[in-house]
């Protein structure tokens, strides 16, 4: 019995260090992965190297967008195309809607317009100029973007709306908030536009955060608006306010609307229907419903 007890005690002394080594090894692997991610950021090359690759500034965006036989894949060696031989034209001032099932490439198109991705083949032309020759800073300053997933910073409502334009006056901020249907709930808060909303906007509902994001996009009076499921988190009343203000919001702007809810795009000048990265239909709501094709089928599913 004594030998068994001694053996168990010695066994514990041997096993415990090995268990600690296993834990330390797992933690070491986490540290290595974290360091690799940090190095990826530190080593990342600037989008525009002003010393070696002078790009042309875009003085004023008119909003003429053309995709010329654009094919895109995430990795050059990949055999899967996210977009394939895509061609379409958006004229200045038009409202164009992108519809299709999830994974059809709708959001990828918006990222190509912003220069976040570059086409694998073909060209993206902004006001007749290849996007690869344009200063991305001058382009993005004239584009307002509202994503489905909104991120707000800790601070006041006023600071969040005027994030890109800190010199904006309160009157300008309020005008943008009214268009976005946000002014009414802001005025009911204890400090109005000076109300602290917490990190990530945690003090607000999802619909309220989305309305602030829309106001933030409108404040700079952009010539191109991109709404990527911008009304997905809005309640019925907020969506009604935005739909009422839509004519004012869209006036003299080119607008790209990415939508799953097809009720929000019926007034679009042009609807582009995508399926697995391929443009399969285009036209107005009435034209596409009359064709009784893919768009008609998607509408029937949402009734």
C-alpha atoms as a PDB file:
ATOM      1  CA  UNK A   1       0.000   0.000   0.000  1.00  0.00           C
ATOM      2  CA  UNK A   2       2.835   2.347   0.887  1.00  0.00           C
ATOM      3  CA  UNK A   3       4.425   1.794  -2.490  1.00  0.00           C
ATOM      4  CA  UNK A   4       1.094   2.536  -4.239  1.00  0.00           C
ATOM      5  CA  UNK A   5       0.674   5.802  -2.319  1.00  0.00           C
ATOM      6  CA  UNK A   6       4.254   6.793  -3.089  1.00  0.00           C
ATOM      7  CA  UNK A   7       3.757   5.940  -6.759  1.00  0.00           C
ATOM      8  CA  UNK A   8       0.598   8.090  -6.971  1.00  0.00           C
ATOM      9  CA  UNK A   9       2.398  11.021  -5.329  1.00  0.00           C
ATOM     10  CA  UNK A  10       5.334  10.744  -7.715  1.00  0.00           C
ATOM     11  CA  UNK A  11       2.964  10.334 -10.671  1.00  0.00           C
ATOM     12  CA  UNK A  12       1.297  13.631  -9.771  1.00  0.00           C
ATOM     13  CA  UNK A  13       4.684  15.352  -9.642  1.00  0.00           C
ATOM     14  CA  UNK A  14       5.451  14.077 -13.141  1.00  0.00           C
ATOM     15  CA  UNK A  15       2.063  14.705 -14.794  1.00  0.00           C
ATOM     16  CA  UNK A  16       1.489  18.236 -13.430  1.00  0.00           C
ATOM     17  CA  UNK A  17       4.501  19.803 -15.226  1.00  0.00           C
ATOM     18  CA  UNK A  18       3.424  18.184 -18.497  1.00  0.00           C
ATOM     19  CA  UNK A  19      -0.087  19.577 -18.050  1.00  0.00           C
ATOM     20  CA  UNK A  20       1.363  23.037 -17.431  1.00  0.00           C
ATOM     21  CA  UNK A  21       3.553  22.702 -20.528  1.00  0.00           C
ATOM     22  CA  UNK A  22       0.447  21.860 -22.583  1.00  0.00           C
ATOM     23  CA  UNK A  23      -1.384  24.950 -21.281  1.00  0.00           C
ATOM     24  CA  UNK A  24       1.650  27.166 -21.883  1.00  0.00           C
ATOM     25  CA  UNK A  25       2.038  25.781 -25.401  1.00  0.00           C
ATOM     26  CA  UNK A  26      -1.580  26.654 -26.232  1.00  0.00           C
ATOM     27  CA  UNK A  27      -1.095  30.160 -24.851  1.00  0.00           C
ATOM     28  CA  UNK A  28       2.137  30.508 -26.823  1.00  0.00           C
ATOM     29  CA  UNK A  29       0.288  29.598 -30.035  1.00  0.00           C
ATOM     30  CA  UNK A  30      -2.294  32.306 -29.305  1.00  0.00           C
ATOM     31  CA  UNK A  31       0.505  34.844 -28.806  1.00  0.00           C
ATOM     32  CA  UNK A  32       2.134  33.810 -32.101  1.00  0.00           C
ATOM     33  CA  UNK A  33      -1.150  34.213 -33.996  1.00  0.00           C
ATOM     34  CA  UNK A  34      -1.757  37.620 -32.377  1.00  0.00           C
ATOM     35  CA  UNK A  35       1.752  38.772 -33.310  1.00  0.00           C
ATOM     36  CA  UNK A  36       1.248  37.623 -36.905  1.00  0.00           C
ATOM     37  CA  UNK A  37      -1.954  39.664 -37.147  1.00  0.00           C
ATOM     38  CA  UNK A  38      -0.259  42.736 -35.685  1.00  0.00           C
ATOM     39  CA  UNK A  39       2.645  42.339 -38.120  1.00  0.00           C
ATOM     40  CA  UNK A  40       0.188  42.024 -41.014  1.00  0.00           C
ATOM     41  CA  UNK A  41      -1.174  45.461 -40.110  1.00  0.00           C
ATOM     42  CA  UNK A  42       2.252  47.028 -39.511  1.00  0.00           C
ATOM     43  CA  UNK A  43       3.697  45.610 -42.742  1.00  0.00           C
ATOM     44  CA  UNK A  44       0.671  46.433 -44.902  1.00  0.00           C
ATOM     45  CA  UNK A  45       1.570  48.691 -47.803  1.00  0.00           C
ATOM     46  CA  UNK A  46      -0.361  51.977 -48.190  1.00  0.00           C
ATOM     47  CA  UNK A  47      -3.124  51.921 -50.797  1.00  0.00           C
ATOM     48  CA  UNK A  48      -1.532  54.878 -52.515  1.00  0.00           C
ATOM     49  CA  UNK A  49       2.203  55.486 -52.561  1.00  0.00           C
ATOM     50  CA  UNK A  50       2.418  59.156 -53.473  1.00  0.00           C
ATOM     51  CA  UNK A  51       6.138  58.905 -54.165  1.00  0.00           C
ATOM     52  CA  UNK A  52       5.936  56.155 -56.759  1.00  0.00           C
ATOM     53  CA  UNK A  53       2.338  56.052 -57.953  1.00  0.00           C
ATOM     54  CA  UNK A  54       0.863  59.493 -58.447  1.00  0.00           C
ATOM     55  CA  UNK A  55      -2.896  59.239 -58.875  1.00  0.00           C
ATOM     56  CA  UNK A  56      -5.271  61.744 -60.336  1.00  0.00           C
ATOM     57  CA  UNK A  57      -7.502  63.630 -57.923  1.00  0.00           C
ATOM     58  CA  UNK A  58     -11.243  63.591 -58.577  1.00  0.00           C
ATOM     59  CA  UNK A  59     -12.326  67.242 -58.140  1.00  0.00           C
ATOM     60  CA  UNK A  60     -16.090  66.674 -58.129  1.00  0.00           C
ATOM     61  CA  UNK A  61     -17.837  63.350 -58.483  1.00  0.00           C
ATOM     62  CA  UNK A  62     -20.704  63.454 -60.979  1.00  0.00           C
ATOM     63  CA  UNK A  63     -21.817  59.911 -60.201  1.00  0.00           C
ATOM     64  CA  UNK A  64     -21.380  58.224 -63.577  1.00  0.00           C
ATOM     65  CA  UNK A  65     -20.448  54.607 -62.822  1.00  0.00           C
ATOM     66  CA  UNK A  66     -19.634  51.932 -65.388  1.00  0.00           C
ATOM     67  CA  UNK A  67     -18.559  48.341 -64.925  1.00  0.00           C
ATOM     68  CA  UNK A  68     -16.903  47.011 -68.072  1.00  0.00           C
ATOM     69  CA  UNK A  69     -16.684  43.193 -68.184  1.00  0.00           C
ATOM     70  CA  UNK A  70     -15.642  43.012 -64.530  1.00  0.00           C
ATOM     71  CA  UNK A  71     -14.632  39.674 -63.072  1.00  0.00           C
ATOM     72  CA  UNK A  72     -13.574  39.428 -59.443  1.00  0.00           C
ATOM     73  CA  UNK A  73     -12.136  36.658 -57.316  1.00  0.00           C
ATOM     74  CA  UNK A  74     -10.708  36.993 -53.820  1.00  0.00           C
ATOM     75  CA  UNK A  75      -7.496  35.137 -54.616  1.00  0.00           C
ATOM     76  CA  UNK A  76      -5.720  35.133 -57.998  1.00  0.00           C
ATOM     77  CA  UNK A  77      -5.221  31.369 -57.825  1.00  0.00           C
ATOM     78  CA  UNK A  78      -8.892  30.709 -56.997  1.00  0.00           C
ATOM     79  CA  UNK A  79     -11.126  29.060 -59.583  1.00  0.00           C
ATOM     80  CA  UNK A  80     -14.265  30.602 -58.072  1.00  0.00           C
ATOM     81  CA  UNK A  81     -15.408  33.969 -59.412  1.00  0.00           C
ATOM     82  CA  UNK A  82     -17.424  36.140 -57.030  1.00  0.00           C
ATOM     83  CA  UNK A  83     -18.433  38.317 -60.006  1.00  0.00           C
ATOM     84  CA  UNK A  84     -18.202  37.173 -63.604  1.00  0.00           C
ATOM     85  CA  UNK A  85     -18.059  39.316 -66.756  1.00  0.00           C
ATOM     86  CA  UNK A  86     -20.262  41.997 -65.171  1.00  0.00           C
ATOM     87  CA  UNK A  87     -21.197  45.031 -67.272  1.00  0.00           C
ATOM     88  CA  UNK A  88     -23.654  47.808 -66.415  1.00  0.00           C
ATOM     89  CA  UNK A  89     -23.893  51.587 -66.379  1.00  0.00           C
ATOM     90  CA  UNK A  90     -25.259  53.976 -63.764  1.00  0.00           C
ATOM     91  CA  UNK A  91     -25.995  57.484 -64.979  1.00  0.00           C
ATOM     92  CA  UNK A  92     -25.598  60.560 -62.743  1.00  0.00           C
ATOM     93  CA  UNK A  93     -28.586  61.062 -60.462  1.00  0.00           C
ATOM     94  CA  UNK A  94     -29.992  57.575 -60.938  1.00  0.00           C
ATOM     95  CA  UNK A  95     -31.156  55.293 -58.148  1.00  0.00           C
ATOM     96  CA  UNK A  96     -29.924  51.785 -58.922  1.00  0.00           C
ATOM     97  CA  UNK A  97     -30.845  48.725 -56.874  1.00  0.00           C
ATOM     98  CA  UNK A  98     -28.890  45.484 -56.571  1.00  0.00           C
ATOM     99  CA  UNK A  99     -31.001  42.469 -55.653  1.00  0.00           C
ATOM    100  CA  UNK A 100     -30.369  38.756 -55.420  1.00  0.00           C
ATOM    101  CA  UNK A 101     -29.899  35.956 -52.959  1.00  0.00           C
ATOM    102  CA  UNK A 102     -27.215  36.091 -50.268  1.00  0.00           C
ATOM    103  CA  UNK A 103     -23.781  35.465 -51.744  1.00  0.00           C
ATOM    104  CA  UNK A 104     -24.677  36.730 -55.212  1.00  0.00           C
ATOM    105  CA  UNK A 105     -22.006  39.469 -55.096  1.00  0.00           C
ATOM    106  CA  UNK A 106     -24.059  42.567 -54.289  1.00  0.00           C
ATOM    107  CA  UNK A 107     -21.848  43.942 -51.508  1.00  0.00           C
ATOM    108  CA  UNK A 108     -18.721  43.110 -53.514  1.00  0.00           C
ATOM    109  CA  UNK A 109     -19.873  45.578 -56.176  1.00  0.00           C
ATOM    110  CA  UNK A 110     -20.039  48.385 -53.606  1.00  0.00           C
ATOM    111  CA  UNK A 111     -16.527  47.549 -52.379  1.00  0.00           C
ATOM    112  CA  UNK A 112     -15.234  47.687 -55.948  1.00  0.00           C
ATOM    113  CA  UNK A 113     -16.799  51.147 -56.315  1.00  0.00           C
ATOM    114  CA  UNK A 114     -14.951  52.291 -53.200  1.00  0.00           C
ATOM    115  CA  UNK A 115     -11.649  50.880 -54.390  1.00  0.00           C
ATOM    116  CA  UNK A 116     -11.471  48.455 -51.462  1.00  0.00           C
ATOM    117  CA  UNK A 117     -11.120  45.651 -54.002  1.00  0.00           C
ATOM    118  CA  UNK A 118      -9.602  45.769 -57.480  1.00  0.00           C
ATOM    119  CA  UNK A 119     -11.123  43.823 -60.388  1.00  0.00           C
ATOM    120  CA  UNK A 120      -9.396  40.599 -61.374  1.00  0.00           C
ATOM    121  CA  UNK A 121     -10.390  41.390 -64.963  1.00  0.00           C
ATOM    122  CA  UNK A 122     -12.200  44.290 -66.613  1.00  0.00           C
ATOM    123  CA  UNK A 123     -12.525  47.898 -65.493  1.00  0.00           C
ATOM    124  CA  UNK A 124     -14.485  49.972 -62.993  1.00  0.00           C
ATOM    125  CA  UNK A 125     -14.918  53.470 -64.416  1.00  0.00           C
ATOM    126  CA  UNK A 126     -15.860  56.479 -62.277  1.00  0.00           C
ATOM    127  CA  UNK A 127     -16.897  59.485 -64.378  1.00  0.00           C
ATOM    128  CA  UNK A 128     -15.129  57.851 -67.306  1.00  0.00           C
ATOM    129  CA  UNK A 129     -11.839  57.291 -65.460  1.00  0.00           C
ATOM    130  CA  UNK A 130     -10.408  53.949 -64.437  1.00  0.00           C
ATOM    131  CA  UNK A 131     -10.635  53.699 -60.648  1.00  0.00           C
ATOM    132  CA  UNK A 132      -7.049  52.411 -60.511  1.00  0.00           C
ATOM    133  CA  UNK A 133      -5.853  55.819 -61.762  1.00  0.00           C
ATOM    134  CA  UNK A 134      -7.839  57.868 -59.227  1.00  0.00           C
ATOM    135  CA  UNK A 135      -6.846  59.116 -55.799  1.00  0.00           C
ATOM    136  CA  UNK A 136      -8.912  56.934 -53.484  1.00  0.00           C
ATOM    137  CA  UNK A 137      -8.963  59.664 -50.840  1.00  0.00           C
ATOM    138  CA  UNK A 138     -10.565  62.187 -53.192  1.00  0.00           C
ATOM    139  CA  UNK A 139     -13.054  59.531 -54.343  1.00  0.00           C
ATOM    140  CA  UNK A 140     -14.140  58.300 -50.917  1.00  0.00           C
ATOM    141  CA  UNK A 141     -14.581  61.820 -49.555  1.00  0.00           C
ATOM    142  CA  UNK A 142     -17.464  62.214 -51.995  1.00  0.00           C
ATOM    143  CA  UNK A 143     -19.201  58.914 -51.216  1.00  0.00           C
ATOM    144  CA  UNK A 144     -21.577  58.243 -48.338  1.00  0.00           C
ATOM    145  CA  UNK A 145     -21.877  54.634 -47.168  1.00  0.00           C
ATOM    146  CA  UNK A 146     -24.370  53.023 -44.810  1.00  0.00           C
ATOM    147  CA  UNK A 147     -23.694  49.359 -44.044  1.00  0.00           C
ATOM    148  CA  UNK A 148     -26.042  46.816 -42.562  1.00  0.00           C
ATOM    149  CA  UNK A 149     -23.823  46.510 -39.478  1.00  0.00           C
ATOM    150  CA  UNK A 150     -23.441  49.964 -37.979  1.00  0.00           C
ATOM    151  CA  UNK A 151     -20.568  50.905 -35.695  1.00  0.00           C
ATOM    152  CA  UNK A 152     -20.729  53.956 -33.468  1.00  0.00           C
ATOM    153  CA  UNK A 153     -18.010  55.298 -31.203  1.00  0.00           C
ATOM    154  CA  UNK A 154     -18.198  56.199 -27.546  1.00  0.00           C
ATOM    155  CA  UNK A 155     -19.073  59.875 -27.296  1.00  0.00           C
ATOM    156  CA  UNK A 156     -22.020  62.120 -28.039  1.00  0.00           C
ATOM    157  CA  UNK A 157     -24.576  61.847 -30.818  1.00  0.00           C
ATOM    158  CA  UNK A 158     -23.249  65.069 -32.304  1.00  0.00           C
ATOM    159  CA  UNK A 159     -19.684  63.710 -32.394  1.00  0.00           C
ATOM    160  CA  UNK A 160     -20.793  60.493 -34.081  1.00  0.00           C
ATOM    161  CA  UNK A 161     -22.815  62.195 -36.812  1.00  0.00           C
ATOM    162  CA  UNK A 162     -20.051  64.725 -37.526  1.00  0.00           C
ATOM    163  CA  UNK A 163     -17.255  62.144 -37.367  1.00  0.00           C
ATOM    164  CA  UNK A 164     -15.983  62.836 -40.895  1.00  0.00           C
ATOM    165  CA  UNK A 165     -16.855  66.545 -40.719  1.00  0.00           C
ATOM    166  CA  UNK A 166     -15.974  67.763 -37.205  1.00  0.00           C
ATOM    167  CA  UNK A 167     -16.398  71.402 -38.253  1.00  0.00           C
ATOM    168  CA  UNK A 168     -20.072  70.899 -39.188  1.00  0.00           C
ATOM    169  CA  UNK A 169     -22.496  73.245 -37.440  1.00  0.00           C
ATOM    170  CA  UNK A 170     -25.317  72.009 -35.232  1.00  0.00           C
ATOM    171  CA  UNK A 171     -27.821  73.221 -37.835  1.00  0.00           C
ATOM    172  CA  UNK A 172     -26.177  71.079 -40.532  1.00  0.00           C
ATOM    173  CA  UNK A 173     -26.108  68.075 -38.205  1.00  0.00           C
ATOM    174  CA  UNK A 174     -29.778  68.526 -37.328  1.00  0.00           C
ATOM    175  CA  UNK A 175     -30.734  68.819 -41.009  1.00  0.00           C
ATOM    176  CA  UNK A 176     -29.013  65.502 -41.768  1.00  0.00           C
ATOM    177  CA  UNK A 177     -30.653  63.878 -38.732  1.00  0.00           C
ATOM    178  CA  UNK A 178     -34.109  65.052 -39.827  1.00  0.00           C
ATOM    179  CA  UNK A 179     -33.641  63.526 -43.278  1.00  0.00           C
ATOM    180  CA  UNK A 180     -32.586  60.262 -41.627  1.00  0.00           C
ATOM    181  CA  UNK A 181     -35.592  60.265 -39.295  1.00  0.00           C
ATOM    182  CA  UNK A 182     -33.341  60.579 -36.241  1.00  0.00           C
ATOM    183  CA  UNK A 183     -34.067  64.096 -35.006  1.00  0.00           C
ATOM    184  CA  UNK A 184     -37.314  63.172 -33.267  1.00  0.00           C
ATOM    185  CA  UNK A 185     -35.829  60.563 -30.923  1.00  0.00           C
ATOM    186  CA  UNK A 186     -32.670  62.650 -30.376  1.00  0.00           C
ATOM    187  CA  UNK A 187     -34.718  65.599 -29.145  1.00  0.00           C
ATOM    188  CA  UNK A 188     -36.371  63.347 -26.558  1.00  0.00           C
ATOM    189  CA  UNK A 189     -33.028  62.353 -25.012  1.00  0.00           C
ATOM    190  CA  UNK A 190     -31.927  64.169 -21.814  1.00  0.00           C
ATOM    191  CA  UNK A 191     -29.060  66.070 -23.465  1.00  0.00           C
ATOM    192  CA  UNK A 192     -30.300  66.023 -27.050  1.00  0.00           C
ATOM    193  CA  UNK A 193     -27.401  65.985 -29.491  1.00  0.00           C
ATOM    194  CA  UNK A 194     -24.911  66.114 -26.606  1.00  0.00           C
ATOM    195  CA  UNK A 195     -26.162  62.819 -25.138  1.00  0.00           C
ATOM    196  CA  UNK A 196     -23.448  60.226 -24.492  1.00  0.00           C
ATOM    197  CA  UNK A 197     -24.365  56.967 -26.234  1.00  0.00           C
ATOM    198  CA  UNK A 198     -21.736  54.588 -24.807  1.00  0.00           C
ATOM    199  CA  UNK A 199     -19.181  52.469 -26.625  1.00  0.00           C
ATOM    200  CA  UNK A 200     -20.624  51.088 -29.845  1.00  0.00           C
ATOM    201  CA  UNK A 201     -23.831  53.046 -29.256  1.00  0.00           C
ATOM    202  CA  UNK A 202     -24.871  50.618 -26.553  1.00  0.00           C
ATOM    203  CA  UNK A 203     -27.363  53.091 -25.065  1.00  0.00           C
ATOM    204  CA  UNK A 204     -29.404  53.093 -28.301  1.00  0.00           C
ATOM    205  CA  UNK A 205     -31.582  50.550 -30.066  1.00  0.00           C
ATOM    206  CA  UNK A 206     -30.523  48.956 -33.352  1.00  0.00           C
ATOM    207  CA  UNK A 207     -32.914  51.153 -35.325  1.00  0.00           C
ATOM    208  CA  UNK A 208     -31.657  54.315 -33.630  1.00  0.00           C
ATOM    209  CA  UNK A 209     -28.039  53.408 -34.365  1.00  0.00           C
ATOM    210  CA  UNK A 210     -28.918  52.795 -38.006  1.00  0.00           C
ATOM    211  CA  UNK A 211     -30.605  56.199 -38.306  1.00  0.00           C
ATOM    212  CA  UNK A 212     -27.501  57.894 -36.890  1.00  0.00           C
ATOM    213  CA  UNK A 213     -25.393  56.074 -39.482  1.00  0.00           C
ATOM    214  CA  UNK A 214     -27.674  57.334 -42.256  1.00  0.00           C
ATOM    215  CA  UNK A 215     -27.442  60.888 -40.882  1.00  0.00           C
ATOM    216  CA  UNK A 216     -23.644  60.563 -40.770  1.00  0.00           C
ATOM    217  CA  UNK A 217     -23.590  59.521 -44.436  1.00  0.00           C
ATOM    218  CA  UNK A 218     -25.861  62.404 -45.466  1.00  0.00           C
ATOM    219  CA  UNK A 219     -23.995  65.128 -43.568  1.00  0.00           C
ATOM    220  CA  UNK A 220     -21.211  65.477 -46.127  1.00  0.00           C
ATOM    221  CA  UNK A 221     -23.740  65.942 -48.953  1.00  0.00           C
ATOM    222  CA  UNK A 222     -22.122  63.098 -50.956  1.00  0.00           C
ATOM    223  CA  UNK A 223     -22.615  62.841 -54.703  1.00  0.00           C
ATOM    224  CA  UNK A 224     -22.781  59.045 -54.469  1.00  0.00           C
ATOM    225  CA  UNK A 225     -24.723  57.200 -51.768  1.00  0.00           C
ATOM    226  CA  UNK A 226     -24.345  53.489 -51.091  1.00  0.00           C
ATOM    227  CA  UNK A 227     -27.034  51.897 -48.925  1.00  0.00           C
ATOM    228  CA  UNK A 228     -26.095  48.301 -48.072  1.00  0.00           C
ATOM    229  CA  UNK A 229     -29.256  47.044 -46.381  1.00  0.00           C
ATOM    230  CA  UNK A 230     -29.435  50.448 -44.693  1.00  0.00           C
ATOM    231  CA  UNK A 231     -33.057  50.059 -43.575  1.00  0.00           C
ATOM    232  CA  UNK A 232     -32.768  46.463 -42.378  1.00  0.00           C
ATOM    233  CA  UNK A 233     -32.845  47.366 -38.656  1.00  0.00           C
ATOM    234  CA  UNK A 234     -35.414  50.151 -38.876  1.00  0.00           C
ATOM    235  CA  UNK A 235     -38.856  49.924 -37.351  1.00  0.00           C
ATOM    236  CA  UNK A 236     -41.877  50.634 -39.553  1.00  0.00           C
ATOM    237  CA  UNK A 237     -42.204  54.276 -38.431  1.00  0.00           C
ATOM    238  CA  UNK A 238     -38.528  55.104 -39.052  1.00  0.00           C
ATOM    239  CA  UNK A 239     -38.643  53.462 -42.472  1.00  0.00           C
ATOM    240  CA  UNK A 240     -41.786  55.434 -43.303  1.00  0.00           C
ATOM    241  CA  UNK A 241     -40.018  58.714 -42.423  1.00  0.00           C
ATOM    242  CA  UNK A 242     -37.033  57.849 -44.610  1.00  0.00           C
ATOM    243  CA  UNK A 243     -39.270  56.773 -47.499  1.00  0.00           C
ATOM    244  CA  UNK A 244     -41.132  60.095 -47.176  1.00  0.00           C
ATOM    245  CA  UNK A 245     -37.830  62.007 -47.318  1.00  0.00           C
ATOM    246  CA  UNK A 246     -36.444  59.802 -50.087  1.00  0.00           C
ATOM    247  CA  UNK A 247     -36.957  62.319 -52.892  1.00  0.00           C
ATOM    248  CA  UNK A 248     -34.980  64.932 -50.943  1.00  0.00           C
ATOM    249  CA  UNK A 249     -32.282  62.419 -49.996  1.00  0.00           C
ATOM    250  CA  UNK A 250     -31.819  61.250 -53.595  1.00  0.00           C
ATOM    251  CA  UNK A 251     -31.993  64.666 -55.235  1.00  0.00           C
ATOM    252  CA  UNK A 252     -28.903  65.342 -57.390  1.00  0.00           C
ATOM    253  CA  UNK A 253     -27.193  62.173 -56.143  1.00  0.00           C
ATOM    254  CA  UNK A 254     -26.359  58.826 -57.651  1.00  0.00           C
ATOM    255  CA  UNK A 255     -27.612  56.148 -55.276  1.00  0.00           C
ATOM    256  CA  UNK A 256     -26.778  52.458 -55.084  1.00  0.00           C
ATOM    257  CA  UNK A 257     -29.189  50.447 -52.941  1.00  0.00           C
ATOM    258  CA  UNK A 258     -28.399  46.869 -51.942  1.00  0.00           C
ATOM    259  CA  UNK A 259     -31.546  45.222 -50.670  1.00  0.00           C
ATOM    260  CA  UNK A 260     -33.058  41.912 -49.633  1.00  0.00           C
ATOM    261  CA  UNK A 261     -36.458  43.463 -48.936  1.00  0.00           C
ATOM    262  CA  UNK A 262     -37.645  44.219 -52.456  1.00  0.00           C
ATOM    263  CA  UNK A 263     -40.368  46.594 -51.256  1.00  0.00           C
ATOM    264  CA  UNK A 264     -37.639  49.213 -50.719  1.00  0.00           C
ATOM    265  CA  UNK A 265     -36.426  49.261 -54.345  1.00  0.00           C
ATOM    266  CA  UNK A 266     -39.612  49.490 -56.384  1.00  0.00           C
ATOM    267  CA  UNK A 267     -39.008  53.158 -57.181  1.00  0.00           C
ATOM    268  CA  UNK A 268     -35.479  52.544 -58.472  1.00  0.00           C
ATOM    269  CA  UNK A 269     -34.626  53.816 -61.953  1.00  0.00           C
ATOM    270  CA  UNK A 270     -32.769  50.571 -62.637  1.00  0.00           C
ATOM    271  CA  UNK A 271     -32.809  47.214 -60.866  1.00  0.00           C
ATOM    272  CA  UNK A 272     -29.927  44.799 -61.425  1.00  0.00           C
ATOM    273  CA  UNK A 273     -30.674  41.172 -60.554  1.00  0.00           C
ATOM    274  CA  UNK A 274     -27.658  39.032 -59.655  1.00  0.00           C
ATOM    275  CA  UNK A 275     -27.350  35.297 -59.226  1.00  0.00           C
ATOM    276  CA  UNK A 276     -24.013  33.725 -58.237  1.00  0.00           C
ATOM    277  CA  UNK A 277     -22.091  36.752 -59.453  1.00  0.00           C
ATOM    278  CA  UNK A 278     -23.777  36.923 -62.857  1.00  0.00           C
ATOM    279  CA  UNK A 279     -26.133  39.708 -63.991  1.00  0.00           C
ATOM    280  CA  UNK A 280     -29.217  37.828 -65.173  1.00  0.00           C
ATOM    281  CA  UNK A 281     -31.873  40.577 -65.391  1.00  0.00           C
ATOM    282  CA  UNK A 282     -32.078  44.363 -65.446  1.00  0.00           C
ATOM    283  CA  UNK A 283     -34.831  46.940 -65.793  1.00  0.00           C
ATOM    284  CA  UNK A 284     -37.461  48.773 -63.769  1.00  0.00           C
ATOM    285  CA  UNK A 285     -39.736  47.052 -61.266  1.00  0.00           C
ATOM    286  CA  UNK A 286     -42.599  47.030 -63.754  1.00  0.00           C
ATOM    287  CA  UNK A 287     -40.430  45.640 -66.574  1.00  0.00           C
ATOM    288  CA  UNK A 288     -39.019  42.854 -64.442  1.00  0.00           C
ATOM    289  CA  UNK A 289     -42.386  41.866 -62.993  1.00  0.00           C
ATOM    290  CA  UNK A 290     -43.780  41.644 -66.532  1.00  0.00           C
ATOM    291  CA  UNK A 291     -40.947  39.265 -67.522  1.00  0.00           C
ATOM    292  CA  UNK A 292     -41.975  36.871 -64.730  1.00  0.00           C
ATOM    293  CA  UNK A 293     -38.356  35.787 -64.311  1.00  0.00           C
ATOM    294  CA  UNK A 294     -35.975  35.625 -61.354  1.00  0.00           C
ATOM    295  CA  UNK A 295     -36.999  39.019 -59.925  1.00  0.00           C
ATOM    296  CA  UNK A 296     -40.674  38.068 -60.142  1.00  0.00           C
ATOM    297  CA  UNK A 297     -39.880  34.832 -58.287  1.00  0.00           C
ATOM    298  CA  UNK A 298     -38.026  36.706 -55.512  1.00  0.00           C
ATOM    299  CA  UNK A 299     -40.988  39.068 -55.129  1.00  0.00           C
ATOM    300  CA  UNK A 300     -43.421  36.185 -54.851  1.00  0.00           C
ATOM    301  CA  UNK A 301     -41.303  34.661 -52.074  1.00  0.00           C
ATOM    302  CA  UNK A 302     -41.611  37.848 -49.990  1.00  0.00           C
ATOM    303  CA  UNK A 303     -45.381  38.224 -50.272  1.00  0.00           C
END
